[in-house]
Amino acid sequence: MASEAGRERSTALAAGHQIGLFRCIVEPFIHTPKGFSMKVQRACLVGLMMTLIVGMTGCATILNDKTQKINVTSSTGEKFAFSIDGQSYEGPAIVDVTRTKADKFIVAESPNCNKQTLLPAKVDNKFWINILTGGVFGSTTDYSTEEMWGYDSNAVVSCTKE
């Protein structure tokens, strides 16, 4: 009878039926029920591991790239030279910047533009979704990878016409 119940559980598991979470996690620690086969215990352990892995990953880490595209233009619409993080560009341009929690500065190299324009770091909206779905573990992952941060997608450098 006990081996028959074990076969039924294994067959149900193989057919894609779910075994209750309580039954998988708690019961084996209290006592090993009759017919609770090693195959079922292994399947429960794999299911628990997958749940923990998914629960501990951060939404922003999964959905965001390490870089973000920013459209940098001048207030006059004219071409100008600038740099971000030491990388030089000719604007207007769409540039990739690395996500960090630190603010960035657009340093204008053209004489008719403000020398520095602040590009403030802000928490990306995907991080707030993770607070609701992933909780502490996912948000900690996002924070540690710095992919929870973002910048405005458009930046305007104040310039005067030459």
C-alpha atoms as a PDB file:
ATOM      1  CA  MET A   1       0.000   0.000   0.000  1.00  0.00           C
ATOM      2  CA  ALA A   2       2.796   2.429   0.919  1.00  0.00           C
ATOM      3  CA  SER A   3       4.699   1.768  -2.305  1.00  0.00           C
ATOM      4  CA  GLU A   4       1.483   2.221  -4.276  1.00  0.00           C
ATOM      5  CA  ALA A   5       0.979   5.696  -2.719  1.00  0.00           C
ATOM      6  CA  GLY A   6       4.589   6.554  -3.570  1.00  0.00           C
ATOM      7  CA  ARG A   7       4.045   5.519  -7.187  1.00  0.00           C
ATOM      8  CA  GLU A   8       0.880   7.656  -7.318  1.00  0.00           C
ATOM      9  CA  ARG A   9       2.781  10.699  -6.016  1.00  0.00           C
ATOM     10  CA  SER A  10       5.633  10.115  -8.471  1.00  0.00           C
ATOM     11  CA  THR A  11       3.180   9.634 -11.321  1.00  0.00           C
ATOM     12  CA  ALA A  12       1.271  12.795 -10.329  1.00  0.00           C
ATOM     13  CA  LEU A  13       4.520  14.750 -10.155  1.00  0.00           C
ATOM     14  CA  ALA A  14       5.666  13.412 -13.517  1.00  0.00           C
ATOM     15  CA  ALA A  15       2.299  14.362 -15.009  1.00  0.00           C
ATOM     16  CA  GLY A  16       2.839  17.954 -13.896  1.00  0.00           C
ATOM     17  CA  HIS A  17       0.537  17.972 -10.877  1.00  0.00           C
ATOM     18  CA  GLN A  18       1.632  20.105  -7.962  1.00  0.00           C
ATOM     19  CA  ILE A  19       2.214  18.838  -4.476  1.00  0.00           C
ATOM     20  CA  GLY A  20       1.289  21.329  -1.774  1.00  0.00           C
ATOM     21  CA  LEU A  21       4.024  23.684  -0.617  1.00  0.00           C
ATOM     22  CA  PHE A  22       3.465  22.739   3.017  1.00  0.00           C
ATOM     23  CA  ARG A  23       3.749  19.093   2.154  1.00  0.00           C
ATOM     24  CA  CYS A  24       7.010  19.594   0.264  1.00  0.00           C
ATOM     25  CA  ILE A  25       8.752  21.857   2.720  1.00  0.00           C
ATOM     26  CA  VAL A  26       7.477  21.140   6.206  1.00  0.00           C
ATOM     27  CA  GLU A  27       6.440  17.490   6.313  1.00  0.00           C
ATOM     28  CA  PRO A  28       9.837  15.944   5.506  1.00  0.00           C
ATOM     29  CA  PHE A  29      11.369  17.816   8.455  1.00  0.00           C
ATOM     30  CA  ILE A  30       8.677  16.724  10.878  1.00  0.00           C
ATOM     31  CA  HIS A  31       8.614  13.126   9.717  1.00  0.00           C
ATOM     32  CA  THR A  32       8.971  11.281   6.446  1.00  0.00           C
ATOM     33  CA  PRO A  33       5.460  10.276   5.473  1.00  0.00           C
ATOM     34  CA  LYS A  34       4.870   6.775   4.169  1.00  0.00           C
ATOM     35  CA  GLY A  35       5.190   6.716   0.434  1.00  0.00           C
ATOM     36  CA  PHE A  36       7.022  10.038   0.294  1.00  0.00           C
ATOM     37  CA  SER A  37       9.641   8.838  -2.180  1.00  0.00           C
ATOM     38  CA  MET A  38      13.119  10.250  -2.743  1.00  0.00           C
ATOM     39  CA  LYS A  39      11.980  11.337  -6.197  1.00  0.00           C
ATOM     40  CA  VAL A  40       9.227  13.490  -4.681  1.00  0.00           C
ATOM     41  CA  GLN A  41      11.607  14.876  -2.044  1.00  0.00           C
ATOM     42  CA  ARG A  42      14.130  15.763  -4.767  1.00  0.00           C
ATOM     43  CA  ALA A  43      11.409  17.442  -6.850  1.00  0.00           C
ATOM     44  CA  CYS A  44      10.314  19.446  -3.811  1.00  0.00           C
ATOM     45  CA  LEU A  45      13.894  20.526  -3.134  1.00  0.00           C
ATOM     46  CA  VAL A  46      14.407  21.590  -6.755  1.00  0.00           C
ATOM     47  CA  GLY A  47      11.129  23.538  -6.658  1.00  0.00           C
ATOM     48  CA  LEU A  48      12.170  25.261  -3.435  1.00  0.00           C
ATOM     49  CA  MET A  49      15.596  26.150  -4.861  1.00  0.00           C
ATOM     50  CA  MET A  50      14.046  27.593  -8.038  1.00  0.00           C
ATOM     51  CA  THR A  51      11.603  29.665  -5.961  1.00  0.00           C
ATOM     52  CA  LEU A  52      14.452  31.044  -3.857  1.00  0.00           C
ATOM     53  CA  ILE A  53      16.592  31.837  -6.905  1.00  0.00           C
ATOM     54  CA  VAL A  54      13.770  33.696  -8.634  1.00  0.00           C
ATOM     55  CA  GLY A  55      12.773  35.437  -5.394  1.00  0.00           C
ATOM     56  CA  MET A  56      16.303  36.603  -4.699  1.00  0.00           C
ATOM     57  CA  THR A  57      16.933  38.161  -8.102  1.00  0.00           C
ATOM     58  CA  GLY A  58      16.095  41.802  -8.576  1.00  0.00           C
ATOM     59  CA  CYS A  59      13.693  43.107 -11.177  1.00  0.00           C
ATOM     60  CA  ALA A  60      15.884  46.073 -12.098  1.00  0.00           C
ATOM     61  CA  THR A  61      18.896  43.772 -12.363  1.00  0.00           C
ATOM     62  CA  ILE A  62      17.006  41.514 -14.771  1.00  0.00           C
ATOM     63  CA  LEU A  63      15.200  44.206 -16.771  1.00  0.00           C
ATOM     64  CA  ASN A  64      17.824  46.971 -16.921  1.00  0.00           C
ATOM     65  CA  ASP A  65      21.110  46.981 -18.784  1.00  0.00           C
ATOM     66  CA  LYS A  66      24.312  48.113 -17.080  1.00  0.00           C
ATOM     67  CA  THR A  67      24.166  51.175 -19.328  1.00  0.00           C
ATOM     68  CA  GLN A  68      21.440  53.635 -20.254  1.00  0.00           C
ATOM     69  CA  LYS A  69      20.987  55.694 -23.411  1.00  0.00           C
ATOM     70  CA  ILE A  70      20.693  59.460 -22.896  1.00  0.00           C
ATOM     71  CA  ASN A  71      19.857  62.014 -25.563  1.00  0.00           C
ATOM     72  CA  VAL A  72      22.181  65.000 -25.008  1.00  0.00           C
ATOM     73  CA  THR A  73      21.331  68.210 -26.871  1.00  0.00           C
ATOM     74  CA  SER A  74      22.178  71.902 -26.605  1.00  0.00           C
ATOM     75  CA  SER A  75      19.612  74.593 -25.856  1.00  0.00           C
ATOM     76  CA  THR A  76      20.440  76.243 -29.193  1.00  0.00           C
ATOM     77  CA  GLY A  77      20.234  73.040 -31.208  1.00  0.00           C
ATOM     78  CA  GLU A  78      23.755  73.609 -32.510  1.00  0.00           C
ATOM     79  CA  LYS A  79      26.633  71.144 -32.455  1.00  0.00           C
ATOM     80  CA  PHE A  80      28.871  71.174 -29.398  1.00  0.00           C
ATOM     81  CA  ALA A  81      31.620  69.089 -27.805  1.00  0.00           C
ATOM     82  CA  PHE A  82      31.120  67.471 -24.404  1.00  0.00           C
ATOM     83  CA  SER A  83      32.279  64.598 -22.235  1.00  0.00           C
ATOM     84  CA  ILE A  84      30.714  62.294 -19.662  1.00  0.00           C
ATOM     85  CA  ASP A  85      32.930  60.197 -17.379  1.00  0.00           C
ATOM     86  CA  GLY A  86      35.966  61.250 -19.419  1.00  0.00           C
ATOM     87  CA  GLN A  87      34.514  59.973 -22.708  1.00  0.00           C
ATOM     88  CA  SER A  88      34.304  62.705 -25.383  1.00  0.00           C
ATOM     89  CA  TYR A  89      31.334  63.141 -27.716  1.00  0.00           C
ATOM     90  CA  GLU A  90      30.096  65.511 -30.406  1.00  0.00           C
ATOM     91  CA  GLY A  91      26.533  66.608 -29.713  1.00  0.00           C
ATOM     92  CA  PRO A  92      23.727  66.459 -30.192  1.00  0.00           C
ATOM     93  CA  ALA A  93      24.125  62.739 -29.565  1.00  0.00           C
ATOM     94  CA  ILE A  94      22.602  59.697 -27.937  1.00  0.00           C
ATOM     95  CA  VAL A  95      25.204  58.307 -25.545  1.00  0.00           C
ATOM     96  CA  ASP A  96      25.473  55.231 -23.325  1.00  0.00           C
ATOM     97  CA  VAL A  97      26.273  55.935 -19.674  1.00  0.00           C
ATOM     98  CA  THR A  98      26.970  53.349 -16.994  1.00  0.00           C
ATOM     99  CA  ARG A  99      24.326  53.155 -14.282  1.00  0.00           C
ATOM    100  CA  THR A 100      25.640  54.085 -10.833  1.00  0.00           C
ATOM    101  CA  LYS A 101      24.144  55.668  -7.757  1.00  0.00           C
ATOM    102  CA  ALA A 102      26.409  58.705  -8.245  1.00  0.00           C
ATOM    103  CA  ASP A 103      25.300  61.794 -10.146  1.00  0.00           C
ATOM    104  CA  LYS A 104      27.079  62.403 -13.440  1.00  0.00           C
ATOM    105  CA  PHE A 105      28.157  65.640 -15.029  1.00  0.00           C
ATOM    106  CA  ILE A 106      28.052  66.573 -18.675  1.00  0.00           C
ATOM    107  CA  VAL A 107      31.210  68.647 -19.141  1.00  0.00           C
ATOM    108  CA  ALA A 108      30.884  70.982 -22.124  1.00  0.00           C
ATOM    109  CA  GLU A 109      34.097  71.542 -24.032  1.00  0.00           C
ATOM    110  CA  SER A 110      32.594  74.212 -26.299  1.00  0.00           C
ATOM    111  CA  PRO A 111      33.286  77.782 -25.064  1.00  0.00           C
ATOM    112  CA  ASN A 112      29.720  79.022 -25.613  1.00  0.00           C
ATOM    113  CA  CYS A 113      28.121  76.363 -23.316  1.00  0.00           C
ATOM    114  CA  ASN A 114      27.821  76.016 -19.538  1.00  0.00           C
ATOM    115  CA  LYS A 115      30.874  74.131 -18.312  1.00  0.00           C
ATOM    116  CA  GLN A 116      28.916  71.534 -16.311  1.00  0.00           C
ATOM    117  CA  THR A 117      25.377  70.215 -16.500  1.00  0.00           C
ATOM    118  CA  LEU A 118      24.177  67.925 -13.719  1.00  0.00           C
ATOM    119  CA  LEU A 119      22.730  64.558 -14.627  1.00  0.00           C
ATOM    120  CA  PRO A 120      21.207  63.433 -11.303  1.00  0.00           C
ATOM    121  CA  ALA A 121      20.915  59.745 -10.463  1.00  0.00           C
ATOM    122  CA  LYS A 122      17.449  58.574  -9.531  1.00  0.00           C
ATOM    123  CA  VAL A 123      15.899  55.262  -8.554  1.00  0.00           C
ATOM    124  CA  ASP A 124      14.493  53.478 -11.609  1.00  0.00           C
ATOM    125  CA  ASN A 125      10.763  52.662 -11.572  1.00  0.00           C
ATOM    126  CA  LYS A 126      11.505  48.946 -12.021  1.00  0.00           C
ATOM    127  CA  PHE A 127      13.061  48.938  -8.560  1.00  0.00           C
ATOM    128  CA  TRP A 128       9.721  49.917  -6.973  1.00  0.00           C
ATOM    129  CA  ILE A 129       8.015  47.032  -8.764  1.00  0.00           C
ATOM    130  CA  ASN A 130      10.629  44.760  -7.202  1.00  0.00           C
ATOM    131  CA  ILE A 131       9.842  46.046  -3.692  1.00  0.00           C
ATOM    132  CA  LEU A 132       6.283  44.816  -4.200  1.00  0.00           C
ATOM    133  CA  THR A 133       7.148  41.498  -5.852  1.00  0.00           C
ATOM    134  CA  GLY A 134      10.644  40.496  -4.725  1.00  0.00           C
ATOM    135  CA  GLY A 135      10.815  42.081  -1.303  1.00  0.00           C
ATOM    136  CA  VAL A 136      14.050  42.497   0.603  1.00  0.00           C
ATOM    137  CA  PHE A 137      16.115  39.910  -1.259  1.00  0.00           C
ATOM    138  CA  GLY A 138      15.397  41.244  -4.745  1.00  0.00           C
ATOM    139  CA  SER A 139      15.804  44.878  -3.765  1.00  0.00           C
ATOM    140  CA  THR A 140      19.136  44.096  -2.091  1.00  0.00           C
ATOM    141  CA  THR A 141      20.291  42.470  -5.331  1.00  0.00           C
ATOM    142  CA  ASP A 142      19.254  45.570  -7.285  1.00  0.00           C
ATOM    143  CA  TYR A 143      21.062  47.855  -4.839  1.00  0.00           C
ATOM    144  CA  SER A 144      24.287  45.862  -4.900  1.00  0.00           C
ATOM    145  CA  THR A 145      24.486  45.800  -8.712  1.00  0.00           C
ATOM    146  CA  GLU A 146      23.654  49.518  -9.024  1.00  0.00           C
ATOM    147  CA  GLU A 147      21.287  48.700 -11.881  1.00  0.00           C
ATOM    148  CA  MET A 148      18.415  50.155  -9.868  1.00  0.00           C
ATOM    149  CA  TRP A 149      19.662  53.645 -10.736  1.00  0.00           C
ATOM    150  CA  GLY A 150      18.875  55.630 -13.829  1.00  0.00           C
ATOM    151  CA  TYR A 151      19.096  59.092 -15.338  1.00  0.00           C
ATOM    152  CA  ASP A 152      16.701  61.303 -17.256  1.00  0.00           C
ATOM    153  CA  SER A 153      16.571  60.088 -20.832  1.00  0.00           C
ATOM    154  CA  ASN A 154      17.022  63.643 -22.170  1.00  0.00           C
ATOM    155  CA  ALA A 155      19.627  66.190 -21.065  1.00  0.00           C
ATOM    156  CA  VAL A 156      19.873  69.755 -22.362  1.00  0.00           C
ATOM    157  CA  VAL A 157      23.148  71.671 -22.055  1.00  0.00           C
ATOM    158  CA  SER A 158      22.590  75.422 -21.845  1.00  0.00           C
ATOM    159  CA  CYS A 159      24.469  77.203 -24.660  1.00  0.00           C
ATOM    160  CA  THR A 160      24.451  80.617 -26.309  1.00  0.00           C
ATOM    161  CA  LYS A 161      24.596  81.205 -30.044  1.00  0.00           C
ATOM    162  CA  GLU A 162      28.043  82.056 -31.342  1.00  0.00           C
END
